[in-house]
Amino acid sequence: MELTSENLTRLLGWLDPNPERAGQAYVQIKADLTRKFTSQSCTLPDRLADITMDRVASILTPEVIDNWEGDKKRYFYRVAYYVVLESKAKKVEEIEVSPDLVTEEVDIDEEMESERELDCLDRCKEKLPEMKRELISKYYCGAKAIKIRNRKELAKKLKLTLPRLRVQALRIRKELKTCIEECLQVNAALKV
C-alpha cells in the first residue's frame, strides 16, 4: 500500500491544521514508532513505521476525520500493533507492540539523549566478540512466549543450561552498560 499525495495531505490536515506543526507531528510519530519497533528487536523498524503511517493515511476518510474522537497518536500505536501481527503471520517479524501503549510529548533534549544512548549501544555491541553479540541479540529477541522459546533454543545451541545462559546474558549486559556509560561521558566531554 503506497502513500498517495491525497492521503498524505488528508493525514497532515488531520494531525494539525497548521502545515508546519502537522509536519513536525508526522516526523515525531514516525520516529516514535521506529524507536518502538527497534526496542522490540524488529529487523525492519523503519519499514514497519512506514507501513503504519501509510495504513493510517489510507484509513482516514473525510467521514472518519469528521467523527474522530480520542488521541491521534494512540491510534497510530493501535495500527502498529496490527501491522506487527501481520508481519508475524508472514514470518517477517516476531515482536509485539502493546495495544495500550501511551506516548508522551518528548522533549527534544530527551530525544537527543536517547539517540546518543542508542548510538553508544550500537558502538558497544560492535566492540563485542561475535559470540557475545549473537548471544545478547538472540537472548532479547521476541516477546513473551517467543522470547522464552528463543532462549531455550539458544541455550541448547550453546550447550548451556538456562540459568547459565541468564548469567552469561547478565554479564554481557553489565559489560554493555559500562561501555555505554563511558561512551556517553566521552560524548559529553567532546561537546564541552
N, C-alpha and C. Protein backbone atom coordinates (compact mmCIF):
# COMPACT_ATOMS: atom_id res chain seq x y z
N MET A 1 0.85 -1.17 0.00
CA MET A 1 0.00 0.00 0.00
C MET A 1 0.89 1.23 0.00
N GLU A 2 0.75 2.04 -1.02
CA GLU A 2 1.59 3.20 -1.16
C GLU A 2 0.87 4.47 -0.72
N LEU A 3 1.60 5.37 -0.17
CA LEU A 3 1.04 6.63 0.31
C LEU A 3 0.84 7.57 -0.88
N THR A 4 -0.41 7.98 -1.11
CA THR A 4 -0.70 8.92 -2.19
C THR A 4 -0.61 10.33 -1.64
N SER A 5 -0.45 11.30 -2.55
CA SER A 5 -0.36 12.69 -2.10
C SER A 5 -1.67 13.14 -1.46
N GLU A 6 -2.80 12.63 -1.97
CA GLU A 6 -4.11 12.97 -1.40
C GLU A 6 -4.21 12.45 0.04
N ASN A 7 -3.80 11.19 0.23
CA ASN A 7 -3.85 10.60 1.58
C ASN A 7 -2.90 11.33 2.53
N LEU A 8 -1.72 11.69 2.03
CA LEU A 8 -0.75 12.40 2.87
C LEU A 8 -1.30 13.77 3.27
N THR A 9 -1.88 14.48 2.34
CA THR A 9 -2.46 15.79 2.62
C THR A 9 -3.56 15.67 3.67
N ARG A 10 -4.42 14.66 3.51
CA ARG A 10 -5.51 14.44 4.46
C ARG A 10 -4.95 14.10 5.85
N LEU A 11 -3.93 13.24 5.89
CA LEU A 11 -3.31 12.85 7.16
C LEU A 11 -2.71 14.07 7.86
N LEU A 12 -1.96 14.87 7.13
CA LEU A 12 -1.33 16.05 7.73
C LEU A 12 -2.38 17.04 8.22
N GLY A 13 -3.45 17.24 7.46
CA GLY A 13 -4.53 18.12 7.89
C GLY A 13 -5.22 17.61 9.14
N TRP A 14 -5.29 16.30 9.27
CA TRP A 14 -5.90 15.67 10.45
C TRP A 14 -5.01 15.85 11.68
N LEU A 15 -3.69 15.73 11.47
CA LEU A 15 -2.76 15.86 12.59
C LEU A 15 -2.77 17.28 13.16
N ASP A 16 -2.78 18.28 12.28
CA ASP A 16 -2.81 19.67 12.75
C ASP A 16 -3.16 20.57 11.56
N PRO A 17 -4.00 21.56 11.78
CA PRO A 17 -4.36 22.48 10.68
C PRO A 17 -3.16 23.31 10.20
N ASN A 18 -2.21 23.58 11.10
CA ASN A 18 -1.01 24.33 10.74
C ASN A 18 -0.05 23.37 10.03
N PRO A 19 0.30 23.61 8.75
CA PRO A 19 1.15 22.69 7.99
C PRO A 19 2.50 22.39 8.66
N GLU A 20 3.11 23.41 9.26
CA GLU A 20 4.41 23.20 9.90
C GLU A 20 4.28 22.27 11.11
N ARG A 21 3.30 22.53 11.96
CA ARG A 21 3.08 21.67 13.12
C ARG A 21 2.65 20.26 12.70
N ALA A 22 1.89 20.16 11.62
CA ALA A 22 1.46 18.85 11.13
C ALA A 22 2.67 18.04 10.67
N GLY A 23 3.58 18.70 9.97
CA GLY A 23 4.81 18.03 9.51
C GLY A 23 5.66 17.57 10.69
N GLN A 24 5.76 18.42 11.71
CA GLN A 24 6.52 18.05 12.90
C GLN A 24 5.87 16.88 13.61
N ALA A 25 4.55 16.88 13.70
CA ALA A 25 3.83 15.78 14.35
C ALA A 25 4.05 14.48 13.58
N TYR A 26 4.01 14.56 12.26
CA TYR A 26 4.22 13.37 11.42
C TYR A 26 5.61 12.78 11.67
N VAL A 27 6.62 13.65 11.63
CA VAL A 27 8.00 13.19 11.85
C VAL A 27 8.16 12.61 13.25
N GLN A 28 7.58 13.27 14.24
CA GLN A 28 7.68 12.80 15.63
C GLN A 28 7.03 11.43 15.81
N ILE A 29 5.84 11.27 15.27
CA ILE A 29 5.13 9.99 15.41
C ILE A 29 5.90 8.88 14.71
N LYS A 30 6.40 9.16 13.51
CA LYS A 30 7.16 8.13 12.79
C LYS A 30 8.44 7.77 13.55
N ALA A 31 9.11 8.76 14.12
CA ALA A 31 10.32 8.49 14.91
C ALA A 31 9.98 7.66 16.14
N ASP A 32 8.87 7.99 16.80
CA ASP A 32 8.43 7.21 17.97
C ASP A 32 8.15 5.77 17.59
N LEU A 33 7.47 5.56 16.46
CA LEU A 33 7.16 4.20 16.00
C LEU A 33 8.45 3.44 15.69
N THR A 34 9.37 4.09 15.01
CA THR A 34 10.64 3.44 14.66
C THR A 34 11.40 3.04 15.91
N ARG A 35 11.44 3.94 16.90
CA ARG A 35 12.12 3.61 18.16
C ARG A 35 11.44 2.44 18.85
N LYS A 36 10.12 2.44 18.84
CA LYS A 36 9.39 1.35 19.50
C LYS A 36 9.66 0.03 18.80
N PHE A 37 9.61 0.03 17.48
CA PHE A 37 9.90 -1.20 16.74
C PHE A 37 11.34 -1.65 16.98
N THR A 38 12.26 -0.69 17.06
CA THR A 38 13.66 -1.02 17.33
C THR A 38 13.81 -1.63 18.72
N SER A 39 13.14 -1.04 19.70
CA SER A 39 13.25 -1.56 21.07
C SER A 39 12.64 -2.96 21.18
N GLN A 40 11.77 -3.31 20.25
CA GLN A 40 11.17 -4.64 20.24
C GLN A 40 11.98 -5.61 19.38
N SER A 41 13.19 -5.21 18.98
CA SER A 41 14.11 -6.04 18.20
C SER A 41 13.57 -6.38 16.82
N CYS A 42 12.82 -5.49 16.23
CA CYS A 42 12.36 -5.68 14.86
C CYS A 42 13.56 -5.52 13.93
N THR A 43 13.60 -6.33 12.90
CA THR A 43 14.70 -6.22 11.95
C THR A 43 14.44 -5.14 10.92
N LEU A 44 13.20 -4.73 10.75
CA LEU A 44 12.85 -3.69 9.78
C LEU A 44 12.02 -2.58 10.43
N PRO A 45 12.54 -1.91 11.45
CA PRO A 45 11.73 -0.93 12.17
C PRO A 45 11.28 0.24 11.30
N ASP A 46 12.14 0.74 10.41
CA ASP A 46 11.75 1.85 9.54
C ASP A 46 10.64 1.44 8.59
N ARG A 47 10.76 0.25 8.05
CA ARG A 47 9.74 -0.25 7.10
C ARG A 47 8.40 -0.42 7.81
N LEU A 48 8.42 -0.97 9.02
CA LEU A 48 7.17 -1.14 9.76
C LEU A 48 6.55 0.21 10.13
N ALA A 49 7.39 1.19 10.44
CA ALA A 49 6.88 2.54 10.73
C ALA A 49 6.24 3.14 9.48
N ASP A 50 6.88 2.96 8.32
CA ASP A 50 6.31 3.44 7.06
C ASP A 50 4.97 2.79 6.77
N ILE A 51 4.92 1.48 6.95
CA ILE A 51 3.67 0.75 6.70
C ILE A 51 2.57 1.28 7.61
N THR A 52 2.90 1.51 8.88
CA THR A 52 1.92 2.02 9.83
C THR A 52 1.41 3.40 9.41
N MET A 53 2.33 4.29 9.06
CA MET A 53 1.93 5.64 8.65
C MET A 53 1.05 5.57 7.39
N ASP A 54 1.44 4.75 6.42
CA ASP A 54 0.66 4.60 5.19
C ASP A 54 -0.73 4.04 5.48
N ARG A 55 -0.78 3.08 6.38
CA ARG A 55 -2.06 2.44 6.71
C ARG A 55 -3.01 3.45 7.35
N VAL A 56 -2.50 4.25 8.29
CA VAL A 56 -3.35 5.26 8.92
C VAL A 56 -3.84 6.26 7.87
N ALA A 57 -2.93 6.69 6.99
CA ALA A 57 -3.31 7.66 5.96
C ALA A 57 -4.39 7.09 5.04
N SER A 58 -4.32 5.81 4.73
CA SER A 58 -5.30 5.22 3.82
C SER A 58 -6.65 4.99 4.51
N ILE A 59 -6.64 4.84 5.83
CA ILE A 59 -7.88 4.62 6.59
C ILE A 59 -8.66 5.92 6.76
N LEU A 60 -7.93 7.03 6.82
CA LEU A 60 -8.58 8.32 7.09
C LEU A 60 -9.41 8.78 5.89
N THR A 61 -10.68 8.79 6.08
CA THR A 61 -11.60 9.35 5.09
C THR A 61 -12.18 10.61 5.69
N PRO A 62 -12.79 11.45 4.88
CA PRO A 62 -13.41 12.66 5.46
C PRO A 62 -14.42 12.32 6.56
N GLU A 63 -15.15 11.21 6.41
CA GLU A 63 -16.12 10.80 7.43
C GLU A 63 -15.43 10.44 8.74
N VAL A 64 -14.33 9.69 8.62
CA VAL A 64 -13.58 9.29 9.82
C VAL A 64 -13.05 10.54 10.53
N ILE A 65 -12.52 11.46 9.75
CA ILE A 65 -11.96 12.69 10.33
C ILE A 65 -13.05 13.51 11.02
N ASP A 66 -14.20 13.64 10.36
CA ASP A 66 -15.30 14.42 10.94
C ASP A 66 -15.80 13.83 12.24
N ASN A 67 -15.79 12.51 12.36
CA ASN A 67 -16.32 11.83 13.55
C ASN A 67 -15.24 11.43 14.54
N TRP A 68 -14.01 11.93 14.34
CA TRP A 68 -12.89 11.49 15.17
C TRP A 68 -13.02 11.96 16.61
N GLU A 69 -12.79 11.04 17.53
CA GLU A 69 -12.70 11.35 18.96
C GLU A 69 -11.55 10.55 19.51
N GLY A 70 -10.76 11.13 20.38
CA GLY A 70 -9.68 10.39 21.02
C GLY A 70 -8.31 10.90 20.62
N ASP A 71 -7.30 10.23 21.20
CA ASP A 71 -5.91 10.60 21.00
C ASP A 71 -5.42 10.09 19.65
N LYS A 72 -4.93 10.98 18.83
CA LYS A 72 -4.49 10.61 17.48
C LYS A 72 -3.22 9.77 17.52
N LYS A 73 -2.27 10.14 18.38
CA LYS A 73 -1.03 9.38 18.47
C LYS A 73 -1.30 7.94 18.89
N ARG A 74 -2.20 7.78 19.80
CA ARG A 74 -2.54 6.44 20.29
C ARG A 74 -3.09 5.57 19.16
N TYR A 75 -3.79 6.19 18.23
CA TYR A 75 -4.35 5.46 17.09
C TYR A 75 -3.23 4.86 16.25
N PHE A 76 -2.14 5.60 16.08
CA PHE A 76 -1.01 5.09 15.31
C PHE A 76 -0.45 3.83 15.97
N TYR A 77 -0.38 3.84 17.31
CA TYR A 77 0.15 2.68 18.01
C TYR A 77 -0.80 1.48 17.90
N ARG A 78 -2.07 1.76 17.85
CA ARG A 78 -3.04 0.67 17.69
C ARG A 78 -2.87 0.04 16.30
N VAL A 79 -2.72 0.87 15.28
CA VAL A 79 -2.50 0.35 13.93
C VAL A 79 -1.17 -0.38 13.88
N ALA A 80 -0.15 0.14 14.55
CA ALA A 80 1.16 -0.50 14.58
C ALA A 80 1.06 -1.91 15.16
N TYR A 81 0.23 -2.07 16.15
CA TYR A 81 0.02 -3.39 16.76
C TYR A 81 -0.44 -4.39 15.70
N TYR A 82 -1.39 -3.98 14.87
CA TYR A 82 -1.89 -4.88 13.83
C TYR A 82 -0.86 -5.09 12.71
N VAL A 83 -0.08 -4.09 12.43
CA VAL A 83 0.99 -4.25 11.44
C VAL A 83 1.98 -5.31 11.91
N VAL A 84 2.29 -5.27 13.20
CA VAL A 84 3.20 -6.26 13.77
C VAL A 84 2.59 -7.66 13.69
N LEU A 85 1.32 -7.77 14.03
CA LEU A 85 0.66 -9.08 13.94
C LEU A 85 0.70 -9.62 12.52
N GLU A 86 0.46 -8.77 11.55
CA GLU A 86 0.52 -9.20 10.15
C GLU A 86 1.92 -9.65 9.77
N SER A 87 2.92 -8.89 10.21
CA SER A 87 4.29 -9.26 9.86
C SER A 87 4.69 -10.57 10.53
N LYS A 88 4.18 -10.81 11.74
CA LYS A 88 4.44 -12.09 12.41
C LYS A 88 3.81 -13.23 11.64
N ALA A 89 2.61 -13.01 11.13
CA ALA A 89 1.92 -14.05 10.37
C ALA A 89 2.68 -14.37 9.09
N LYS A 90 3.37 -13.38 8.56
CA LYS A 90 4.17 -13.58 7.35
C LYS A 90 5.59 -14.05 7.69
N LYS A 91 5.85 -14.23 8.97
CA LYS A 91 7.16 -14.67 9.47
C LYS A 91 8.26 -13.64 9.19
N VAL A 92 7.88 -12.37 9.03
CA VAL A 92 8.87 -11.32 8.83
C VAL A 92 9.46 -10.90 10.17
N GLU A 93 8.59 -10.77 11.15
CA GLU A 93 8.99 -10.31 12.47
C GLU A 93 8.38 -11.21 13.53
N GLU A 94 8.99 -11.21 14.70
CA GLU A 94 8.43 -11.90 15.84
C GLU A 94 8.46 -10.98 17.04
N ILE A 95 7.63 -9.92 16.97
CA ILE A 95 7.58 -8.93 18.03
C ILE A 95 6.13 -8.61 18.36
N GLU A 96 5.95 -7.87 19.44
CA GLU A 96 4.61 -7.45 19.81
C GLU A 96 4.67 -6.04 20.38
N VAL A 97 3.80 -5.18 19.87
CA VAL A 97 3.69 -3.82 20.38
C VAL A 97 2.43 -3.78 21.22
N SER A 98 2.56 -3.29 22.43
CA SER A 98 1.42 -3.24 23.33
C SER A 98 0.31 -2.39 22.74
N PRO A 99 -0.94 -2.90 22.73
CA PRO A 99 -2.03 -2.12 22.16
C PRO A 99 -2.42 -0.91 23.00
N ASP A 100 -2.06 -0.91 24.27
CA ASP A 100 -2.42 0.23 25.10
C ASP A 100 -1.22 1.12 25.39
N LEU A 101 -0.28 1.13 24.46
CA LEU A 101 0.91 1.95 24.59
C LEU A 101 0.51 3.43 24.59
N VAL A 102 0.99 4.15 25.58
CA VAL A 102 0.70 5.57 25.68
C VAL A 102 1.99 6.32 25.46
N THR A 103 1.94 7.31 24.60
CA THR A 103 3.13 8.13 24.38
C THR A 103 2.94 9.46 25.05
N GLU A 104 4.03 10.06 25.39
CA GLU A 104 4.01 11.38 25.98
C GLU A 104 4.80 12.30 25.06
N GLU A 105 4.55 13.58 25.19
CA GLU A 105 5.33 14.53 24.42
C GLU A 105 6.80 14.36 24.82
N VAL A 106 7.66 14.29 23.83
CA VAL A 106 9.07 14.07 24.09
C VAL A 106 9.81 15.39 23.96
N ASP A 107 10.56 15.70 24.97
CA ASP A 107 11.40 16.88 24.96
C ASP A 107 12.53 16.64 23.96
N ILE A 108 12.90 17.63 23.18
CA ILE A 108 13.94 17.49 22.17
C ILE A 108 15.24 17.04 22.81
N ASP A 109 15.59 17.59 23.99
CA ASP A 109 16.82 17.20 24.67
C ASP A 109 16.78 15.73 25.07
N GLU A 110 15.62 15.28 25.56
CA GLU A 110 15.47 13.87 25.93
C GLU A 110 15.60 12.99 24.70
N GLU A 111 15.02 13.42 23.60
CA GLU A 111 15.09 12.65 22.36
C GLU A 111 16.53 12.54 21.87
N MET A 112 17.27 13.66 21.95
CA MET A 112 18.66 13.63 21.52
C MET A 112 19.48 12.73 22.44
N GLU A 113 19.17 12.74 23.73
CA GLU A 113 19.88 11.89 24.68
C GLU A 113 19.60 10.42 24.36
N SER A 114 18.36 10.10 24.03
CA SER A 114 18.02 8.73 23.65
C SER A 114 18.77 8.31 22.40
N GLU A 115 18.86 9.22 21.43
CA GLU A 115 19.59 8.93 20.20
C GLU A 115 21.07 8.67 20.51
N ARG A 116 21.64 9.47 21.42
CA ARG A 116 23.04 9.26 21.81
C ARG A 116 23.22 7.90 22.48
N GLU A 117 22.27 7.55 23.36
CA GLU A 117 22.35 6.25 24.04
C GLU A 117 22.26 5.10 23.04
N LEU A 118 21.34 5.22 22.07
CA LEU A 118 21.22 4.17 21.06
C LEU A 118 22.48 4.08 20.21
N ASP A 119 23.05 5.23 19.88
CA ASP A 119 24.29 5.25 19.10
C ASP A 119 25.42 4.57 19.89
N CYS A 120 25.52 4.88 21.17
CA CYS A 120 26.54 4.25 22.02
C CYS A 120 26.29 2.74 22.14
N LEU A 121 25.03 2.36 22.27
CA LEU A 121 24.70 0.94 22.34
C LEU A 121 25.17 0.22 21.08
N ASP A 122 24.90 0.81 19.92
CA ASP A 122 25.34 0.20 18.66
C ASP A 122 26.86 0.07 18.61
N ARG A 123 27.55 1.13 19.02
CA ARG A 123 29.02 1.09 19.01
C ARG A 123 29.54 0.01 19.96
N CYS A 124 28.94 -0.06 21.15
CA CYS A 124 29.39 -1.04 22.15
C CYS A 124 29.09 -2.47 21.70
N LYS A 125 27.95 -2.67 21.07
CA LYS A 125 27.65 -4.01 20.57
C LYS A 125 28.65 -4.43 19.51
N GLU A 126 29.08 -3.47 18.68
CA GLU A 126 30.05 -3.78 17.63
C GLU A 126 31.41 -4.18 18.22
N LYS A 127 31.73 -3.65 19.41
CA LYS A 127 33.00 -3.97 20.06
C LYS A 127 33.00 -5.38 20.65
N LEU A 128 31.81 -5.92 20.90
CA LEU A 128 31.73 -7.26 21.49
C LEU A 128 32.23 -8.32 20.51
N PRO A 129 32.81 -9.40 21.05
CA PRO A 129 33.16 -10.52 20.17
C PRO A 129 31.87 -11.08 19.54
N GLU A 130 32.01 -11.68 18.39
CA GLU A 130 30.86 -12.20 17.63
C GLU A 130 29.94 -13.07 18.47
N MET A 131 30.50 -13.97 19.27
CA MET A 131 29.68 -14.89 20.06
C MET A 131 28.84 -14.14 21.10
N LYS A 132 29.45 -13.17 21.77
CA LYS A 132 28.71 -12.39 22.77
C LYS A 132 27.63 -11.54 22.11
N ARG A 133 27.96 -10.95 20.97
CA ARG A 133 26.99 -10.11 20.25
C ARG A 133 25.79 -10.95 19.82
N GLU A 134 26.04 -12.14 19.32
CA GLU A 134 24.96 -13.03 18.89
C GLU A 134 24.14 -13.47 20.10
N LEU A 135 24.80 -13.82 21.19
CA LEU A 135 24.09 -14.28 22.38
C LEU A 135 23.16 -13.19 22.91
N ILE A 136 23.65 -11.97 23.07
CA ILE A 136 22.83 -10.92 23.66
C ILE A 136 21.70 -10.52 22.72
N SER A 137 21.95 -10.51 21.43
CA SER A 137 20.90 -10.16 20.47
C SER A 137 19.78 -11.20 20.47
N LYS A 138 20.15 -12.46 20.47
CA LYS A 138 19.15 -13.52 20.44
C LYS A 138 18.46 -13.68 21.79
N TYR A 139 19.17 -13.36 22.86
CA TYR A 139 18.59 -13.51 24.20
C TYR A 139 17.40 -12.58 24.38
N TYR A 140 17.47 -11.38 23.83
CA TYR A 140 16.39 -10.41 23.99
C TYR A 140 15.46 -10.33 22.79
N CYS A 141 15.60 -11.22 21.85
CA CYS A 141 14.77 -11.21 20.65
C CYS A 141 13.37 -11.76 20.93
N GLY A 142 12.36 -11.10 20.40
CA GLY A 142 10.98 -11.58 20.55
C GLY A 142 10.30 -11.02 21.78
N ALA A 143 9.09 -11.51 22.00
CA ALA A 143 8.31 -11.06 23.15
C ALA A 143 7.58 -12.26 23.74
N LYS A 144 7.45 -12.25 25.04
CA LYS A 144 6.70 -13.24 25.80
C LYS A 144 7.09 -14.67 25.43
N ALA A 145 6.16 -15.46 24.94
CA ALA A 145 6.41 -16.88 24.68
C ALA A 145 7.50 -17.08 23.64
N ILE A 146 7.57 -16.18 22.67
CA ILE A 146 8.60 -16.29 21.63
C ILE A 146 9.98 -16.11 22.24
N LYS A 147 10.10 -15.16 23.17
CA LYS A 147 11.37 -14.91 23.83
C LYS A 147 11.80 -16.14 24.64
N ILE A 148 10.87 -16.75 25.32
CA ILE A 148 11.17 -17.95 26.12
C ILE A 148 11.66 -19.07 25.21
N ARG A 149 10.93 -19.28 24.11
CA ARG A 149 11.32 -20.33 23.16
C ARG A 149 12.70 -20.03 22.58
N ASN A 150 12.95 -18.77 22.21
CA ASN A 150 14.25 -18.39 21.66
C ASN A 150 15.38 -18.66 22.66
N ARG A 151 15.12 -18.38 23.93
CA ARG A 151 16.15 -18.59 24.95
C ARG A 151 16.44 -20.08 25.14
N LYS A 152 15.41 -20.90 25.11
CA LYS A 152 15.62 -22.35 25.23
C LYS A 152 16.44 -22.87 24.06
N GLU A 153 16.10 -22.40 22.85
CA GLU A 153 16.85 -22.83 21.66
C GLU A 153 18.29 -22.35 21.72
N LEU A 154 18.49 -21.12 22.19
CA LEU A 154 19.84 -20.57 22.30
C LEU A 154 20.66 -21.36 23.31
N ALA A 155 20.07 -21.68 24.45
CA ALA A 155 20.77 -22.46 25.47
C ALA A 155 21.17 -23.82 24.92
N LYS A 156 20.25 -24.44 24.20
CA LYS A 156 20.53 -25.75 23.61
C LYS A 156 21.66 -25.65 22.59
N LYS A 157 21.60 -24.62 21.75
CA LYS A 157 22.62 -24.42 20.72
C LYS A 157 24.01 -24.21 21.33
N LEU A 158 24.04 -23.44 22.43
CA LEU A 158 25.32 -23.13 23.09
C LEU A 158 25.72 -24.18 24.13
N LYS A 159 24.86 -25.19 24.29
CA LYS A 159 25.10 -26.27 25.25
C LYS A 159 25.24 -25.71 26.67
N LEU A 160 24.29 -24.83 27.03
CA LEU A 160 24.25 -24.23 28.35
C LEU A 160 22.90 -24.52 28.99
N THR A 161 22.88 -24.52 30.31
CA THR A 161 21.58 -24.59 30.99
C THR A 161 20.96 -23.20 30.94
N LEU A 162 19.66 -23.09 31.15
CA LEU A 162 19.02 -21.78 31.13
C LEU A 162 19.57 -20.85 32.20
N PRO A 163 19.80 -21.33 33.44
CA PRO A 163 20.40 -20.43 34.44
C PRO A 163 21.79 -19.92 34.01
N ARG A 164 22.57 -20.79 33.40
CA ARG A 164 23.91 -20.39 32.95
C ARG A 164 23.80 -19.36 31.81
N LEU A 165 22.82 -19.56 30.94
CA LEU A 165 22.59 -18.60 29.85
C LEU A 165 22.20 -17.24 30.43
N ARG A 166 21.35 -17.24 31.46
CA ARG A 166 20.95 -15.98 32.09
C ARG A 166 22.16 -15.25 32.68
N VAL A 167 23.06 -16.00 33.30
CA VAL A 167 24.27 -15.41 33.89
C VAL A 167 25.13 -14.80 32.78
N GLN A 168 25.28 -15.55 31.68
CA GLN A 168 26.08 -15.03 30.56
C GLN A 168 25.47 -13.73 30.03
N ALA A 169 24.15 -13.71 29.85
CA ALA A 169 23.47 -12.52 29.34
C ALA A 169 23.63 -11.35 30.32
N LEU A 170 23.53 -11.62 31.61
CA LEU A 170 23.70 -10.58 32.62
C LEU A 170 25.10 -9.99 32.55
N ARG A 171 26.10 -10.83 32.40
CA ARG A 171 27.48 -10.34 32.32
C ARG A 171 27.68 -9.47 31.08
N ILE A 172 27.13 -9.91 29.97
CA ILE A 172 27.26 -9.12 28.74
C ILE A 172 26.52 -7.80 28.89
N ARG A 173 25.34 -7.84 29.50
CA ARG A 173 24.55 -6.62 29.71
C ARG A 173 25.33 -5.63 30.59
N LYS A 174 26.00 -6.13 31.65
CA LYS A 174 26.81 -5.26 32.51
C LYS A 174 27.97 -4.66 31.73
N GLU A 175 28.58 -5.48 30.89
CA GLU A 175 29.68 -5.03 30.05
C GLU A 175 29.20 -3.91 29.11
N LEU A 176 28.03 -4.13 28.51
CA LEU A 176 27.46 -3.12 27.62
C LEU A 176 27.12 -1.84 28.38
N LYS A 177 26.58 -1.99 29.58
CA LYS A 177 26.20 -0.81 30.38
C LYS A 177 27.43 0.03 30.69
N THR A 178 28.52 -0.61 31.09
CA THR A 178 29.76 0.11 31.40
C THR A 178 30.27 0.82 30.15
N CYS A 179 30.25 0.12 29.03
CA CYS A 179 30.72 0.69 27.76
C CYS A 179 29.86 1.89 27.36
N ILE A 180 28.54 1.77 27.50
CA ILE A 180 27.62 2.86 27.13
C ILE A 180 27.86 4.08 28.02
N GLU A 181 28.03 3.85 29.31
CA GLU A 181 28.30 4.97 30.23
C GLU A 181 29.58 5.69 29.85
N GLU A 182 30.63 4.92 29.51
CA GLU A 182 31.90 5.53 29.11
C GLU A 182 31.72 6.31 27.81
N CYS A 183 30.99 5.73 26.87
CA CYS A 183 30.74 6.38 25.58
C CYS A 183 29.99 7.69 25.79
N LEU A 184 28.98 7.70 26.65
CA LEU A 184 28.21 8.91 26.91
C LEU A 184 29.08 9.98 27.57
N GLN A 185 29.98 9.56 28.47
CA GLN A 185 30.89 10.51 29.11
C GLN A 185 31.84 11.14 28.10
N VAL A 186 32.34 10.30 27.18
CA VAL A 186 33.24 10.82 26.14
C VAL A 186 32.49 11.80 25.26
N ASN A 187 31.26 11.46 24.86
CA ASN A 187 30.44 12.35 24.04
C ASN A 187 30.17 13.68 24.76
N ALA A 188 29.88 13.60 26.05
CA ALA A 188 29.62 14.82 26.83
C ALA A 188 30.87 15.68 26.91
N ALA A 189 32.04 15.05 27.08
CA ALA A 189 33.29 15.78 27.18
C ALA A 189 33.62 16.47 25.85
N LEU A 190 33.29 15.80 24.74
CA LEU A 190 33.57 16.39 23.44
C LEU A 190 32.69 17.59 23.14
N LYS A 191 31.50 17.64 23.72
CA LYS A 191 30.57 18.75 23.49
C LYS A 191 30.94 19.99 24.28
N VAL A 192 31.71 19.79 25.37
CA VAL A 192 32.05 20.94 26.25
C VAL A 192 33.13 21.77 25.65
